[in-house]
C-alpha atoms as a PDB file:
ATOM      1  CA  UNK A   1       5.974 -17.742 -16.389  1.00  0.00           C
ATOM      2  CA  UNK A   2       3.644 -19.539 -18.725  1.00  0.00           C
ATOM      3  CA  UNK A   3       4.975 -20.885 -21.908  1.00  0.00           C
ATOM      4  CA  UNK A   4       3.582 -20.482 -25.437  1.00  0.00           C
ATOM      5  CA  UNK A   5       2.244 -24.110 -25.250  1.00  0.00           C
ATOM      6  CA  UNK A   6       0.293 -23.167 -22.160  1.00  0.00           C
ATOM      7  CA  UNK A   7      -1.539 -20.571 -24.176  1.00  0.00           C
ATOM      8  CA  UNK A   8      -1.906 -22.605 -27.311  1.00  0.00           C
ATOM      9  CA  UNK A   9      -3.785 -25.032 -25.135  1.00  0.00           C
ATOM     10  CA  UNK A  10      -6.108 -22.095 -24.426  1.00  0.00           C
ATOM     11  CA  UNK A  11      -6.661 -21.605 -27.883  1.00  0.00           C
ATOM     12  CA  UNK A  12      -4.813 -18.129 -27.851  1.00  0.00           C
ATOM     13  CA  UNK A  13      -2.014 -17.080 -30.145  1.00  0.00           C
ATOM     14  CA  UNK A  14       1.188 -15.885 -29.109  1.00  0.00           C
ATOM     15  CA  UNK A  15       0.286 -12.374 -30.515  1.00  0.00           C
ATOM     16  CA  UNK A  16      -3.022 -11.981 -28.640  1.00  0.00           C
ATOM     17  CA  UNK A  17      -1.182 -13.060 -25.534  1.00  0.00           C
ATOM     18  CA  UNK A  18       1.232 -10.340 -25.928  1.00  0.00           C
ATOM     19  CA  UNK A  19      -1.343  -7.929 -26.461  1.00  0.00           C
ATOM     20  CA  UNK A  20      -3.114  -8.818 -23.467  1.00  0.00           C
ATOM     21  CA  UNK A  21       0.174  -8.782 -21.213  1.00  0.00           C
ATOM     22  CA  UNK A  22       0.981  -5.146 -22.537  1.00  0.00           C
ATOM     23  CA  UNK A  23      -2.623  -4.093 -21.683  1.00  0.00           C
ATOM     24  CA  UNK A  24      -2.284  -5.251 -18.279  1.00  0.00           C
ATOM     25  CA  UNK A  25       1.141  -3.665 -17.779  1.00  0.00           C
ATOM     26  CA  UNK A  26      -0.003  -0.169 -19.173  1.00  0.00           C
ATOM     27  CA  UNK A  27      -3.158  -0.434 -16.891  1.00  0.00           C
ATOM     28  CA  UNK A  28      -0.877  -1.013 -13.831  1.00  0.00           C
ATOM     29  CA  UNK A  29       1.555   1.833 -14.731  1.00  0.00           C
ATOM     30  CA  UNK A  30      -0.948   4.435 -15.455  1.00  0.00           C
ATOM     31  CA  UNK A  31      -3.362   3.624 -12.692  1.00  0.00           C
ATOM     32  CA  UNK A  32      -0.374   3.420 -10.104  1.00  0.00           C
ATOM     33  CA  UNK A  33       0.513   6.947 -11.257  1.00  0.00           C
ATOM     34  CA  UNK A  34      -3.116   8.260 -11.748  1.00  0.00           C
ATOM     35  CA  UNK A  35      -4.158   6.932  -8.019  1.00  0.00           C
ATOM     36  CA  UNK A  36      -0.896   8.151  -6.220  1.00  0.00           C
ATOM     37  CA  UNK A  37       0.120   4.526  -5.647  1.00  0.00           C
ATOM     38  CA  UNK A  38      -3.150   3.068  -4.290  1.00  0.00           C
ATOM     39  CA  UNK A  39      -3.576  -0.759  -4.628  1.00  0.00           C
ATOM     40  CA  UNK A  40      -5.258  -2.040  -8.056  1.00  0.00           C
ATOM     41  CA  UNK A  41      -7.682  -4.771  -7.445  1.00  0.00           C
ATOM     42  CA  UNK A  42      -7.057  -8.018  -9.099  1.00  0.00           C
ATOM     43  CA  UNK A  43     -10.670  -7.899 -10.250  1.00  0.00           C
ATOM     44  CA  UNK A  44      -9.697  -4.768 -12.201  1.00  0.00           C
ATOM     45  CA  UNK A  45      -6.873  -6.701 -14.283  1.00  0.00           C
ATOM     46  CA  UNK A  46      -9.196  -9.842 -14.617  1.00  0.00           C
ATOM     47  CA  UNK A  47     -11.650  -7.696 -16.501  1.00  0.00           C
ATOM     48  CA  UNK A  48      -9.021  -6.650 -18.895  1.00  0.00           C
ATOM     49  CA  UNK A  49      -8.611 -10.257 -19.947  1.00  0.00           C
ATOM     50  CA  UNK A  50     -12.212 -11.320 -19.728  1.00  0.00           C
ATOM     51  CA  UNK A  51     -13.713  -8.703 -21.729  1.00  0.00           C
ATOM     52  CA  UNK A  52     -12.926 -10.585 -25.065  1.00  0.00           C
ATOM     53  CA  UNK A  53     -11.823 -14.013 -23.600  1.00  0.00           C
ATOM     54  CA  UNK A  54     -13.753 -16.424 -21.350  1.00  0.00           C
ATOM     55  CA  UNK A  55     -11.094 -19.129 -20.642  1.00  0.00           C
ATOM     56  CA  UNK A  56     -10.976 -19.510 -16.916  1.00  0.00           C
ATOM     57  CA  UNK A  57      -7.131 -20.030 -16.297  1.00  0.00           C
ATOM     58  CA  UNK A  58      -6.274 -17.128 -18.761  1.00  0.00           C
ATOM     59  CA  UNK A  59      -6.314 -14.073 -16.250  1.00  0.00           C
ATOM     60  CA  UNK A  60      -3.959 -15.761 -13.933  1.00  0.00           C
ATOM     61  CA  UNK A  61      -1.369 -16.681 -16.741  1.00  0.00           C
ATOM     62  CA  UNK A  62      -1.485 -13.127 -18.327  1.00  0.00           C
ATOM     63  CA  UNK A  63      -1.166 -11.405 -14.935  1.00  0.00           C
ATOM     64  CA  UNK A  64       1.774 -13.608 -13.922  1.00  0.00           C
ATOM     65  CA  UNK A  65       3.429 -12.844 -17.191  1.00  0.00           C
ATOM     66  CA  UNK A  66       2.860  -9.124 -16.709  1.00  0.00           C
ATOM     67  CA  UNK A  67       4.480  -9.295 -13.287  1.00  0.00           C
ATOM     68  CA  UNK A  68       7.452 -11.057 -14.601  1.00  0.00           C
ATOM     69  CA  UNK A  69       7.778  -8.282 -17.449  1.00  0.00           C
ATOM     70  CA  UNK A  70       7.410  -5.499 -14.767  1.00  0.00           C
ATOM     71  CA  UNK A  71      10.119  -6.821 -12.955  1.00  0.00           C
ATOM     72  CA  UNK A  72      12.393  -7.695 -15.802  1.00  0.00           C
ATOM     73  CA  UNK A  73      11.938  -4.661 -18.183  1.00  0.00           C
ATOM     74  CA  UNK A  74      10.556  -1.845 -15.720  1.00  0.00           C
ATOM     75  CA  UNK A  75      12.344  -2.871 -12.576  1.00  0.00           C
ATOM     76  CA  UNK A  76       9.264  -3.116 -10.374  1.00  0.00           C
ATOM     77  CA  UNK A  77       8.149  -5.639  -8.085  1.00  0.00           C
ATOM     78  CA  UNK A  78       4.279  -6.147  -8.507  1.00  0.00           C
ATOM     79  CA  UNK A  79       3.399  -7.111  -5.080  1.00  0.00           C
ATOM     80  CA  UNK A  80       0.195  -9.113  -4.003  1.00  0.00           C
ATOM     81  CA  UNK A  81      -1.812  -7.882  -1.106  1.00  0.00           C
ATOM     82  CA  UNK A  82      -4.325  -9.429   0.990  1.00  0.00           C
ATOM     83  CA  UNK A  83      -6.722  -6.989   2.280  1.00  0.00           C
ATOM     84  CA  UNK A  84      -7.007  -7.332   6.021  1.00  0.00           C
ATOM     85  CA  UNK A  85     -10.037  -6.495   8.005  1.00  0.00           C
ATOM     86  CA  UNK A  86      -9.946  -4.281  11.117  1.00  0.00           C
ATOM     87  CA  UNK A  87      -8.980  -6.400  14.120  1.00  0.00           C
ATOM     88  CA  UNK A  88     -12.307  -5.753  16.042  1.00  0.00           C
ATOM     89  CA  UNK A  89     -14.028  -7.718  12.935  1.00  0.00           C
ATOM     90  CA  UNK A  90     -11.526 -10.460  12.620  1.00  0.00           C
ATOM     91  CA  UNK A  91     -12.697 -14.043  13.489  1.00  0.00           C
ATOM     92  CA  UNK A  92     -11.013 -15.776  16.798  1.00  0.00           C
ATOM     93  CA  UNK A  93      -7.612 -17.063  16.597  1.00  0.00           C
ATOM     94  CA  UNK A  94      -8.944 -20.510  15.957  1.00  0.00           C
ATOM     95  CA  UNK A  95     -10.622 -19.473  12.766  1.00  0.00           C
ATOM     96  CA  UNK A  96      -8.985 -19.867   9.360  1.00  0.00           C
ATOM     97  CA  UNK A  97      -6.460 -17.481   8.743  1.00  0.00           C
ATOM     98  CA  UNK A  98      -8.043 -17.068   5.118  1.00  0.00           C
ATOM     99  CA  UNK A  99     -11.213 -15.782   6.742  1.00  0.00           C
ATOM    100  CA  UNK A 100      -9.258 -12.698   7.826  1.00  0.00           C
ATOM    101  CA  UNK A 101      -8.573 -11.575   4.124  1.00  0.00           C
ATOM    102  CA  UNK A 102     -10.592 -10.051   1.557  1.00  0.00           C
ATOM    103  CA  UNK A 103     -10.083  -9.543  -2.230  1.00  0.00           C
ATOM    104  CA  UNK A 104      -6.459  -9.461  -3.619  1.00  0.00           C
ATOM    105  CA  UNK A 105      -4.807  -6.545  -4.901  1.00  0.00           C
ATOM    106  CA  UNK A 106      -1.477  -5.182  -6.244  1.00  0.00           C
ATOM    107  CA  UNK A 107       1.070  -2.669  -5.986  1.00  0.00           C
ATOM    108  CA  UNK A 108       4.143  -1.809  -7.539  1.00  0.00           C
ATOM    109  CA  UNK A 109       7.493  -1.236  -5.893  1.00  0.00           C
ATOM    110  CA  UNK A 110      10.774  -0.165  -7.260  1.00  0.00           C
ATOM    111  CA  UNK A 111      13.576  -2.876  -7.083  1.00  0.00           C
ATOM    112  CA  UNK A 112      16.113  -0.090  -7.417  1.00  0.00           C
ATOM    113  CA  UNK A 113      18.482   0.494  -4.344  1.00  0.00           C
ATOM    114  CA  UNK A 114      16.985   3.354  -2.114  1.00  0.00           C
ATOM    115  CA  UNK A 115      20.033   5.836  -3.128  1.00  0.00           C
ATOM    116  CA  UNK A 116      19.485   5.287  -6.898  1.00  0.00           C
ATOM    117  CA  UNK A 117      15.876   5.422  -6.486  1.00  0.00           C
ATOM    118  CA  UNK A 118      15.989   8.709  -4.747  1.00  0.00           C
ATOM    119  CA  UNK A 119      18.355  10.198  -7.275  1.00  0.00           C
ATOM    120  CA  UNK A 120      16.873   9.024 -10.491  1.00  0.00           C
ATOM    121  CA  UNK A 121      13.299   8.012  -9.855  1.00  0.00           C
ATOM    122  CA  UNK A 122      11.740   9.908  -6.859  1.00  0.00           C
ATOM    123  CA  UNK A 123       9.394  12.752  -7.483  1.00  0.00           C
ATOM    124  CA  UNK A 124      10.841  15.391  -5.221  1.00  0.00           C
ATOM    125  CA  UNK A 125       7.701  17.327  -5.332  1.00  0.00           C
ATOM    126  CA  UNK A 126       5.843  14.570  -3.855  1.00  0.00           C
ATOM    127  CA  UNK A 127       8.268  13.355  -1.301  1.00  0.00           C
ATOM    128  CA  UNK A 128       6.619  15.097   1.551  1.00  0.00           C
ATOM    129  CA  UNK A 129       3.937  12.390   1.230  1.00  0.00           C
ATOM    130  CA  UNK A 130       6.577   9.786   2.155  1.00  0.00           C
ATOM    131  CA  UNK A 131       7.616  11.764   5.180  1.00  0.00           C
ATOM    132  CA  UNK A 132       3.943  12.375   6.260  1.00  0.00           C
ATOM    133  CA  UNK A 133       3.295   8.451   5.910  1.00  0.00           C
ATOM    134  CA  UNK A 134       6.380   7.380   7.851  1.00  0.00           C
ATOM    135  CA  UNK A 135       5.499   9.837  10.684  1.00  0.00           C
ATOM    136  CA  UNK A 136       1.707   8.613  10.890  1.00  0.00           C
ATOM    137  CA  UNK A 137       2.627   5.121  10.557  1.00  0.00           C
ATOM    138  CA  UNK A 138       5.380   5.521  13.445  1.00  0.00           C
ATOM    139  CA  UNK A 139       2.822   7.371  15.725  1.00  0.00           C
ATOM    140  CA  UNK A 140       0.427   4.363  15.233  1.00  0.00           C
ATOM    141  CA  UNK A 141       2.858   1.801  15.615  1.00  0.00           C
ATOM    142  CA  UNK A 142       4.045   3.286  18.959  1.00  0.00           C
ATOM    143  CA  UNK A 143       0.573   3.255  20.005  1.00  0.00           C
ATOM    144  CA  UNK A 144       0.361  -0.608  19.586  1.00  0.00           C
ATOM    145  CA  UNK A 145      -0.851  -0.606  15.982  1.00  0.00           C
ATOM    146  CA  UNK A 146      -4.249   1.124  16.651  1.00  0.00           C
ATOM    147  CA  UNK A 147      -4.982   4.442  17.680  1.00  0.00           C
ATOM    148  CA  UNK A 148      -8.292   6.718  17.975  1.00  0.00           C
ATOM    149  CA  UNK A 149      -8.516   9.624  15.527  1.00  0.00           C
ATOM    150  CA  UNK A 150      -8.568  12.357  18.288  1.00  0.00           C
ATOM    151  CA  UNK A 151      -5.314  11.061  19.648  1.00  0.00           C
ATOM    152  CA  UNK A 152      -3.545  10.839  16.206  1.00  0.00           C
ATOM    153  CA  UNK A 153      -4.420  14.235  15.532  1.00  0.00           C
ATOM    154  CA  UNK A 154      -3.346  15.356  18.928  1.00  0.00           C
ATOM    155  CA  UNK A 155      -0.026  13.958  18.157  1.00  0.00           C
ATOM    156  CA  UNK A 156       0.139  15.522  14.729  1.00  0.00           C
ATOM    157  CA  UNK A 157      -0.789  19.060  16.240  1.00  0.00           C
ATOM    158  CA  UNK A 158       2.354  18.825  17.913  1.00  0.00           C
ATOM    159  CA  UNK A 159       4.005  18.622  14.597  1.00  0.00           C
ATOM    160  CA  UNK A 160       2.030  21.744  13.428  1.00  0.00           C
ATOM    161  CA  UNK A 161      -0.531  19.869  11.429  1.00  0.00           C
ATOM    162  CA  UNK A 162      -4.364  20.546  12.191  1.00  0.00           C
ATOM    163  CA  UNK A 163      -7.361  18.541  11.074  1.00  0.00           C
ATOM    164  CA  UNK A 164      -9.240  21.788  10.154  1.00  0.00           C
ATOM    165  CA  UNK A 165      -6.585  22.851   7.847  1.00  0.00           C
ATOM    166  CA  UNK A 166      -7.597  22.873   4.276  1.00  0.00           C
ATOM    167  CA  UNK A 167      -4.632  25.032   2.705  1.00  0.00           C
ATOM    168  CA  UNK A 168      -1.431  23.807   4.381  1.00  0.00           C
ATOM    169  CA  UNK A 169       1.463  25.211   2.341  1.00  0.00           C
ATOM    170  CA  UNK A 170       2.997  21.754   2.061  1.00  0.00           C
ATOM    171  CA  UNK A 171       0.093  19.125   2.441  1.00  0.00           C
ATOM    172  CA  UNK A 172      -3.022  21.175   1.320  1.00  0.00           C
ATOM    173  CA  UNK A 173      -6.014  19.545   3.071  1.00  0.00           C
ATOM    174  CA  UNK A 174      -4.500  17.662   6.003  1.00  0.00           C
ATOM    175  CA  UNK A 175      -7.512  15.464   6.430  1.00  0.00           C
ATOM    176  CA  UNK A 176      -7.311  14.274   2.761  1.00  0.00           C
ATOM    177  CA  UNK A 177      -3.799  13.601   2.804  1.00  0.00           C
ATOM    178  CA  UNK A 178      -4.397  11.486   6.074  1.00  0.00           C
ATOM    179  CA  UNK A 179      -7.323   9.817   4.121  1.00  0.00           C
ATOM    180  CA  UNK A 180      -4.847   8.988   1.296  1.00  0.00           C
ATOM    181  CA  UNK A 181      -2.886   6.757   3.561  1.00  0.00           C
ATOM    182  CA  UNK A 182      -6.131   4.713   3.909  1.00  0.00           C
ATOM    183  CA  UNK A 183      -6.535   4.548   0.301  1.00  0.00           C
ATOM    184  CA  UNK A 184      -3.089   3.386  -0.108  1.00  0.00           C
ATOM    185  CA  UNK A 185      -3.709   0.775   2.446  1.00  0.00           C
ATOM    186  CA  UNK A 186      -0.876   1.995   5.003  1.00  0.00           C
ATOM    187  CA  UNK A 187      -3.772   2.699   7.259  1.00  0.00           C
ATOM    188  CA  UNK A 188      -7.372   1.261   7.881  1.00  0.00           C
ATOM    189  CA  UNK A 189     -10.231   3.334   9.454  1.00  0.00           C
ATOM    190  CA  UNK A 190     -13.239   2.010  11.390  1.00  0.00           C
ATOM    191  CA  UNK A 191     -16.087   3.486  13.521  1.00  0.00           C
ATOM    192  CA  UNK A 192     -16.151   1.498  16.716  1.00  0.00           C
ATOM    193  CA  UNK A 193     -19.207   2.055  18.870  1.00  0.00           C
ATOM    194  CA  UNK A 194     -18.612   2.987  22.647  1.00  0.00           C
ATOM    195  CA  UNK A 195     -20.501   4.029  25.720  1.00  0.00           C
ATOM    196  CA  UNK A 196     -19.925   7.441  24.668  1.00  0.00           C
ATOM    197  CA  UNK A 197     -20.912   7.116  20.900  1.00  0.00           C
ATOM    198  CA  UNK A 198     -18.738   6.323  17.890  1.00  0.00           C
ATOM    199  CA  UNK A 199     -15.202   6.605  17.751  1.00  0.00           C
ATOM    200  CA  UNK A 200     -12.853   6.541  14.744  1.00  0.00           C
ATOM    201  CA  UNK A 201      -9.891   4.300  14.976  1.00  0.00           C
ATOM    202  CA  UNK A 202      -6.934   4.168  12.772  1.00  0.00           C
ATOM    203  CA  UNK A 203      -4.928   0.825  12.560  1.00  0.00           C
ATOM    204  CA  UNK A 204      -2.043  -0.397  10.544  1.00  0.00           C
ATOM    205  CA  UNK A 205      -3.064  -2.148   7.357  1.00  0.00           C
ATOM    206  CA  UNK A 206      -1.331  -4.585   5.286  1.00  0.00           C
ATOM    207  CA  UNK A 207       1.288  -2.181   3.510  1.00  0.00           C
ATOM    208  CA  UNK A 208       2.653  -0.914   6.847  1.00  0.00           C
ATOM    209  CA  UNK A 209       2.872  -4.314   8.286  1.00  0.00           C
ATOM    210  CA  UNK A 210       4.993  -5.376   5.286  1.00  0.00           C
ATOM    211  CA  UNK A 211       8.478  -6.480   6.770  1.00  0.00           C
ATOM    212  CA  UNK A 212      10.266  -4.017   4.249  1.00  0.00           C
ATOM    213  CA  UNK A 213       8.511  -1.174   5.798  1.00  0.00           C
ATOM    214  CA  UNK A 214       8.141  -2.575   9.297  1.00  0.00           C
ATOM    215  CA  UNK A 215      11.882  -3.183   9.631  1.00  0.00           C
ATOM    216  CA  UNK A 216      12.876   0.428   8.531  1.00  0.00           C
ATOM    217  CA  UNK A 217      10.222   1.648  10.878  1.00  0.00           C
ATOM    218  CA  UNK A 218      11.653  -0.093  13.879  1.00  0.00           C
ATOM    219  CA  UNK A 219      15.275   0.940  12.911  1.00  0.00           C
ATOM    220  CA  UNK A 220      14.184   4.588  12.628  1.00  0.00           C
ATOM    221  CA  UNK A 221      12.467   4.677  16.014  1.00  0.00           C
ATOM    222  CA  UNK A 222      15.280   2.781  17.622  1.00  0.00           C
ATOM    223  CA  UNK A 223      17.672   5.633  16.074  1.00  0.00           C
ATOM    224  CA  UNK A 224      15.487   8.443  17.434  1.00  0.00           C
ATOM    225  CA  UNK A 225      15.400   6.902  20.843  1.00  0.00           C
ATOM    226  CA  UNK A 226      19.066   6.302  21.075  1.00  0.00           C
ATOM    227  CA  UNK A 227      19.749   9.977  19.907  1.00  0.00           C
ATOM    228  CA  UNK A 228      17.279  11.218  22.603  1.00  0.00           C
ATOM    229  CA  UNK A 229      18.829   9.083  25.155  1.00  0.00           C
ATOM    230  CA  UNK A 230      22.519  10.326  24.158  1.00  0.00           C
ATOM    231  CA  UNK A 231      21.288  13.857  24.441  1.00  0.00           C
ATOM    232  CA  UNK A 232      19.818  13.230  27.828  1.00  0.00           C
ATOM    233  CA  UNK A 233      23.006  11.605  28.983  1.00  0.00           C
ATOM    234  CA  UNK A 234      25.142  14.666  27.591  1.00  0.00           C
ATOM    235  CA  UNK A 235      22.936  17.056  29.524  1.00  0.00           C
END
């Protein structure tokens, strides 16, 4: 975290700095709630600072201090995401890894233990989205990280979900619920040209590939497989 001396060298007072940090924190919290947890582009946060100040290094100092306060005061880890391109558009393995990344963005993740988060913080009315996301990510993961839209809906129909259903009693519009996972960057969606026309492909995006989620996913899949194996052995 930057010291007050760092800010004084930029000719900005402690009061001005505190106000900018508070504005960034407020924006992150409200935007996360308003957009159902969709990533916030770094450019949006930078514009809060550069609206009235033009020092080049100031946005980085303010954003970093906001991240520190979100952690120490609010219990949120403000994680930086590097947006990935779909695999078909990525450079060859010899190209620079940086060329696979687009603009940076942020999401906030609770630092509370899972049981405490579930008990005190989790919105029970929206918890179905977490379950839906976990199922969809699991399906795409088991398909090798990439799956055609037609095949994904084939699997979801087995669970009672239809791409044509607009008034599901739990999910509402099923297609919009799936699109939300794209906006939240658990999935990325791409049209791929083929001999029989364009095919829409879903691929795991950076949030689904995060180690914290990926490890839980593998553990859950292993439990399901072991349970099925045990059931078959008992039969």
